[in-house]
Amino acid sequence: MDDNAPCHCTVAAEQLFESEDIVRMDWPARSPDLNPIEHVWDFLGRRLAARTLPPVTIRDLRLALQDEWAAMPQQLIDTLIHSMGRRCETCLAVRGDHISY
């Protein structure tokens, strides 16, 4: 997915996509309902908030995020991937309006 964010349009990003054979899809900008990473950020945020000792420094935050990322259940990732077809169909049905995902 490519939402045309400036950081995705840099020469370095283009070179990375090319070197890794990443095929980019056209994707509407500002489409969080269709972007599974938004649910991943929500999951990570809830996991960080539930910690007994919240991260205080940037280094602590980075380590905590890495720990939570590694502990993310594969089932969550699979569910997000498998829901993409339904998300797109629902988005088309409401002509691009907000959907509840």
N, C-alpha and C. Protein backbone atom coordinates (compact mmCIF):
# COMPACT_ATOMS: atom_id res chain seq x y z
N MET A 1 0.84 -1.17 0.00
CA MET A 1 0.00 0.00 0.00
C MET A 1 0.89 1.24 0.00
N ASP A 2 0.48 2.23 -0.66
CA ASP A 2 1.23 3.48 -0.71
C ASP A 2 0.23 4.62 -0.63
N ASP A 3 0.30 5.35 0.46
CA ASP A 3 -0.64 6.46 0.64
C ASP A 3 -0.07 7.79 0.17
N ASN A 4 1.02 7.72 -0.59
CA ASN A 4 1.68 8.91 -1.13
C ASN A 4 2.21 9.86 -0.07
N ALA A 5 2.44 9.35 1.12
CA ALA A 5 3.06 10.19 2.15
C ALA A 5 4.46 10.58 1.65
N PRO A 6 4.91 11.80 1.94
CA PRO A 6 6.20 12.25 1.44
C PRO A 6 7.36 11.30 1.77
N CYS A 7 7.33 10.68 2.95
CA CYS A 7 8.42 9.77 3.31
C CYS A 7 8.44 8.51 2.45
N HIS A 8 7.33 8.20 1.80
CA HIS A 8 7.28 7.03 0.93
C HIS A 8 7.70 7.36 -0.50
N CYS A 9 7.94 8.63 -0.77
CA CYS A 9 8.25 9.07 -2.14
C CYS A 9 9.70 9.52 -2.29
N THR A 10 10.52 9.27 -1.29
CA THR A 10 11.92 9.69 -1.36
C THR A 10 12.70 8.76 -2.27
N VAL A 11 13.84 9.21 -2.70
CA VAL A 11 14.72 8.39 -3.53
C VAL A 11 15.10 7.12 -2.76
N ALA A 12 15.40 7.26 -1.47
CA ALA A 12 15.79 6.10 -0.66
C ALA A 12 14.66 5.08 -0.59
N ALA A 13 13.43 5.55 -0.42
CA ALA A 13 12.29 4.64 -0.38
C ALA A 13 12.11 3.94 -1.72
N GLU A 14 12.21 4.69 -2.79
CA GLU A 14 12.08 4.12 -4.13
C GLU A 14 13.15 3.04 -4.37
N GLN A 15 14.37 3.32 -3.94
CA GLN A 15 15.46 2.36 -4.11
C GLN A 15 15.20 1.09 -3.29
N LEU A 16 14.70 1.27 -2.07
CA LEU A 16 14.39 0.12 -1.23
C LEU A 16 13.29 -0.73 -1.87
N PHE A 17 12.22 -0.09 -2.32
CA PHE A 17 11.13 -0.84 -2.96
C PHE A 17 11.65 -1.62 -4.16
N GLU A 18 12.48 -0.97 -4.95
CA GLU A 18 13.01 -1.63 -6.14
C GLU A 18 13.94 -2.78 -5.78
N SER A 19 14.83 -2.56 -4.81
CA SER A 19 15.80 -3.60 -4.45
C SER A 19 15.13 -4.81 -3.80
N GLU A 20 13.99 -4.60 -3.17
CA GLU A 20 13.28 -5.70 -2.50
C GLU A 20 12.13 -6.25 -3.35
N ASP A 21 12.03 -5.77 -4.60
CA ASP A 21 10.95 -6.20 -5.50
C ASP A 21 9.57 -5.99 -4.89
N ILE A 22 9.40 -4.85 -4.25
CA ILE A 22 8.11 -4.52 -3.64
C ILE A 22 7.26 -3.81 -4.68
N VAL A 23 6.13 -4.41 -4.98
CA VAL A 23 5.19 -3.81 -5.92
C VAL A 23 4.23 -2.94 -5.13
N ARG A 24 4.11 -1.71 -5.53
CA ARG A 24 3.28 -0.76 -4.79
C ARG A 24 1.88 -0.70 -5.39
N MET A 25 0.89 -0.63 -4.52
CA MET A 25 -0.50 -0.49 -4.94
C MET A 25 -0.90 0.97 -4.79
N ASP A 26 -1.74 1.45 -5.68
CA ASP A 26 -2.32 2.76 -5.47
C ASP A 26 -3.25 2.65 -4.26
N TRP A 27 -3.21 3.65 -3.42
CA TRP A 27 -3.99 3.60 -2.18
C TRP A 27 -4.42 5.01 -1.83
N PRO A 28 -5.66 5.19 -1.44
CA PRO A 28 -6.09 6.54 -1.10
C PRO A 28 -5.36 7.07 0.14
N ALA A 29 -5.00 8.33 0.08
CA ALA A 29 -4.36 8.96 1.24
C ALA A 29 -5.37 9.06 2.37
N ARG A 30 -4.88 9.05 3.57
CA ARG A 30 -5.72 9.18 4.76
C ARG A 30 -6.86 8.16 4.77
N SER A 31 -6.51 6.91 4.69
CA SER A 31 -7.52 5.85 4.70
C SER A 31 -7.26 4.87 5.85
N PRO A 32 -7.34 5.33 7.10
CA PRO A 32 -7.00 4.45 8.22
C PRO A 32 -7.91 3.23 8.33
N ASP A 33 -9.16 3.33 7.84
CA ASP A 33 -10.06 2.18 7.89
C ASP A 33 -9.52 1.03 7.06
N LEU A 34 -8.76 1.34 6.03
CA LEU A 34 -8.24 0.30 5.15
C LEU A 34 -6.81 -0.10 5.48
N ASN A 35 -6.20 0.55 6.42
CA ASN A 35 -4.79 0.31 6.71
C ASN A 35 -4.64 -0.54 7.97
N PRO A 36 -4.29 -1.82 7.82
CA PRO A 36 -4.19 -2.69 8.99
C PRO A 36 -3.18 -2.23 10.03
N ILE A 37 -2.19 -1.45 9.64
CA ILE A 37 -1.19 -1.02 10.62
C ILE A 37 -1.81 -0.15 11.71
N GLU A 38 -2.91 0.52 11.41
CA GLU A 38 -3.59 1.33 12.43
C GLU A 38 -4.04 0.45 13.59
N HIS A 39 -4.50 -0.76 13.29
CA HIS A 39 -4.91 -1.69 14.35
C HIS A 39 -3.70 -2.22 15.11
N VAL A 40 -2.60 -2.37 14.41
CA VAL A 40 -1.37 -2.80 15.08
C VAL A 40 -0.91 -1.72 16.05
N TRP A 41 -0.94 -0.45 15.62
CA TRP A 41 -0.56 0.65 16.52
C TRP A 41 -1.48 0.67 17.74
N ASP A 42 -2.77 0.44 17.53
CA ASP A 42 -3.72 0.40 18.65
C ASP A 42 -3.36 -0.73 19.61
N PHE A 43 -3.07 -1.90 19.08
CA PHE A 43 -2.67 -3.04 19.89
C PHE A 43 -1.43 -2.70 20.71
N LEU A 44 -0.41 -2.15 20.04
CA LEU A 44 0.83 -1.82 20.74
C LEU A 44 0.60 -0.76 21.81
N GLY A 45 -0.22 0.24 21.50
CA GLY A 45 -0.52 1.30 22.48
C GLY A 45 -1.21 0.75 23.71
N ARG A 46 -2.17 -0.16 23.50
CA ARG A 46 -2.87 -0.75 24.64
C ARG A 46 -1.93 -1.61 25.47
N ARG A 47 -1.03 -2.34 24.80
CA ARG A 47 -0.07 -3.18 25.52
C ARG A 47 0.90 -2.32 26.33
N LEU A 48 1.35 -1.20 25.75
CA LEU A 48 2.25 -0.31 26.50
C LEU A 48 1.53 0.30 27.69
N ALA A 49 0.28 0.70 27.51
CA ALA A 49 -0.48 1.31 28.60
C ALA A 49 -0.73 0.33 29.73
N ALA A 50 -0.77 -0.95 29.43
CA ALA A 50 -1.04 -1.97 30.44
C ALA A 50 0.20 -2.37 31.23
N ARG A 51 1.35 -1.90 30.81
CA ARG A 51 2.59 -2.26 31.52
C ARG A 51 2.60 -1.68 32.92
N THR A 52 3.16 -2.44 33.85
CA THR A 52 3.29 -1.98 35.23
C THR A 52 4.20 -0.76 35.30
N LEU A 53 5.31 -0.82 34.56
CA LEU A 53 6.24 0.29 34.50
C LEU A 53 6.27 0.82 33.07
N PRO A 54 5.57 1.93 32.81
CA PRO A 54 5.57 2.45 31.44
C PRO A 54 6.95 2.97 31.06
N PRO A 55 7.26 2.93 29.76
CA PRO A 55 8.56 3.44 29.32
C PRO A 55 8.68 4.94 29.61
N VAL A 56 9.87 5.35 30.03
CA VAL A 56 10.09 6.76 30.38
C VAL A 56 10.95 7.46 29.33
N THR A 57 11.95 6.77 28.86
CA THR A 57 12.86 7.36 27.88
C THR A 57 12.53 6.83 26.48
N ILE A 58 13.09 7.48 25.48
CA ILE A 58 12.92 7.01 24.10
C ILE A 58 13.49 5.60 23.96
N ARG A 59 14.61 5.36 24.57
CA ARG A 59 15.22 4.02 24.52
C ARG A 59 14.29 2.99 25.15
N ASP A 60 13.71 3.32 26.31
CA ASP A 60 12.76 2.41 26.96
C ASP A 60 11.55 2.15 26.06
N LEU A 61 11.07 3.21 25.43
CA LEU A 61 9.92 3.07 24.53
C LEU A 61 10.26 2.16 23.36
N ARG A 62 11.42 2.37 22.77
CA ARG A 62 11.84 1.54 21.63
C ARG A 62 11.92 0.07 22.05
N LEU A 63 12.54 -0.20 23.20
CA LEU A 63 12.67 -1.59 23.66
C LEU A 63 11.31 -2.20 23.99
N ALA A 64 10.44 -1.40 24.62
CA ALA A 64 9.11 -1.91 24.96
C ALA A 64 8.31 -2.22 23.70
N LEU A 65 8.40 -1.34 22.70
CA LEU A 65 7.70 -1.58 21.44
C LEU A 65 8.23 -2.82 20.74
N GLN A 66 9.54 -3.01 20.77
CA GLN A 66 10.12 -4.21 20.16
C GLN A 66 9.64 -5.48 20.88
N ASP A 67 9.58 -5.41 22.21
CA ASP A 67 9.09 -6.57 22.98
C ASP A 67 7.64 -6.87 22.64
N GLU A 68 6.81 -5.84 22.62
CA GLU A 68 5.39 -6.03 22.34
C GLU A 68 5.17 -6.48 20.90
N TRP A 69 5.96 -5.95 19.97
CA TRP A 69 5.86 -6.37 18.57
C TRP A 69 6.16 -7.87 18.46
N ALA A 70 7.23 -8.30 19.12
CA ALA A 70 7.62 -9.71 19.08
C ALA A 70 6.57 -10.61 19.73
N ALA A 71 5.84 -10.07 20.70
CA ALA A 71 4.83 -10.85 21.42
C ALA A 71 3.45 -10.79 20.76
N MET A 72 3.33 -10.03 19.69
CA MET A 72 2.03 -9.89 19.02
C MET A 72 1.58 -11.25 18.50
N PRO A 73 0.35 -11.63 18.82
CA PRO A 73 -0.12 -12.95 18.37
C PRO A 73 -0.24 -13.01 16.84
N GLN A 74 0.23 -14.10 16.28
CA GLN A 74 0.11 -14.30 14.84
C GLN A 74 -1.34 -14.25 14.40
N GLN A 75 -2.23 -14.69 15.27
CA GLN A 75 -3.66 -14.69 14.93
C GLN A 75 -4.16 -13.27 14.66
N LEU A 76 -3.66 -12.28 15.39
CA LEU A 76 -4.04 -10.89 15.14
C LEU A 76 -3.62 -10.47 13.74
N ILE A 77 -2.40 -10.79 13.38
CA ILE A 77 -1.89 -10.43 12.05
C ILE A 77 -2.71 -11.14 10.97
N ASP A 78 -2.97 -12.43 11.16
CA ASP A 78 -3.76 -13.19 10.19
C ASP A 78 -5.16 -12.61 10.04
N THR A 79 -5.78 -12.24 11.15
CA THR A 79 -7.12 -11.67 11.11
C THR A 79 -7.13 -10.36 10.33
N LEU A 80 -6.14 -9.52 10.56
CA LEU A 80 -6.06 -8.25 9.84
C LEU A 80 -5.88 -8.48 8.34
N ILE A 81 -5.03 -9.41 7.99
CA ILE A 81 -4.80 -9.70 6.57
C ILE A 81 -6.08 -10.25 5.92
N HIS A 82 -6.72 -11.19 6.59
CA HIS A 82 -7.91 -11.81 6.02
C HIS A 82 -9.11 -10.86 5.98
N SER A 83 -9.08 -9.80 6.75
CA SER A 83 -10.21 -8.86 6.75
C SER A 83 -10.11 -7.83 5.63
N MET A 84 -8.99 -7.80 4.92
CA MET A 84 -8.80 -6.75 3.90
C MET A 84 -9.85 -6.80 2.80
N GLY A 85 -10.22 -7.98 2.34
CA GLY A 85 -11.24 -8.08 1.30
C GLY A 85 -12.56 -7.48 1.75
N ARG A 86 -12.98 -7.83 2.96
CA ARG A 86 -14.23 -7.28 3.51
C ARG A 86 -14.13 -5.77 3.68
N ARG A 87 -12.99 -5.29 4.14
CA ARG A 87 -12.81 -3.85 4.33
C ARG A 87 -12.98 -3.11 3.01
N CYS A 88 -12.33 -3.62 1.98
CA CYS A 88 -12.41 -2.97 0.67
C CYS A 88 -13.83 -3.02 0.13
N GLU A 89 -14.49 -4.16 0.25
CA GLU A 89 -15.87 -4.28 -0.22
C GLU A 89 -16.78 -3.30 0.52
N THR A 90 -16.61 -3.21 1.84
CA THR A 90 -17.43 -2.30 2.63
C THR A 90 -17.16 -0.86 2.25
N CYS A 91 -15.90 -0.53 2.05
CA CYS A 91 -15.53 0.84 1.66
C CYS A 91 -16.16 1.20 0.31
N LEU A 92 -16.12 0.28 -0.62
CA LEU A 92 -16.75 0.53 -1.92
C LEU A 92 -18.26 0.70 -1.77
N ALA A 93 -18.86 -0.12 -0.91
CA ALA A 93 -20.32 -0.06 -0.72
C ALA A 93 -20.77 1.28 -0.16
N VAL A 94 -19.92 1.90 0.67
CA VAL A 94 -20.29 3.20 1.26
C VAL A 94 -19.62 4.35 0.51
N ARG A 95 -19.10 4.04 -0.67
CA ARG A 95 -18.48 5.04 -1.55
C ARG A 95 -17.38 5.84 -0.88
N GLY A 96 -16.54 5.12 -0.14
CA GLY A 96 -15.37 5.74 0.47
C GLY A 96 -15.62 6.41 1.80
N ASP A 97 -16.85 6.36 2.30
CA ASP A 97 -17.15 6.97 3.59
C ASP A 97 -16.53 6.12 4.70
N HIS A 98 -16.57 6.60 5.91
CA HIS A 98 -16.00 5.90 7.06
C HIS A 98 -16.66 4.53 7.23
N ILE A 99 -15.84 3.53 7.56
CA ILE A 99 -16.35 2.21 7.89
C ILE A 99 -15.86 1.84 9.28
N SER A 100 -16.56 0.94 9.92
CA SER A 100 -16.26 0.65 11.33
C SER A 100 -15.32 -0.53 11.49
N TYR A 101 -14.08 -0.35 11.07
CA TYR A 101 -13.07 -1.39 11.27
C TYR A 101 -12.00 -0.84 12.16
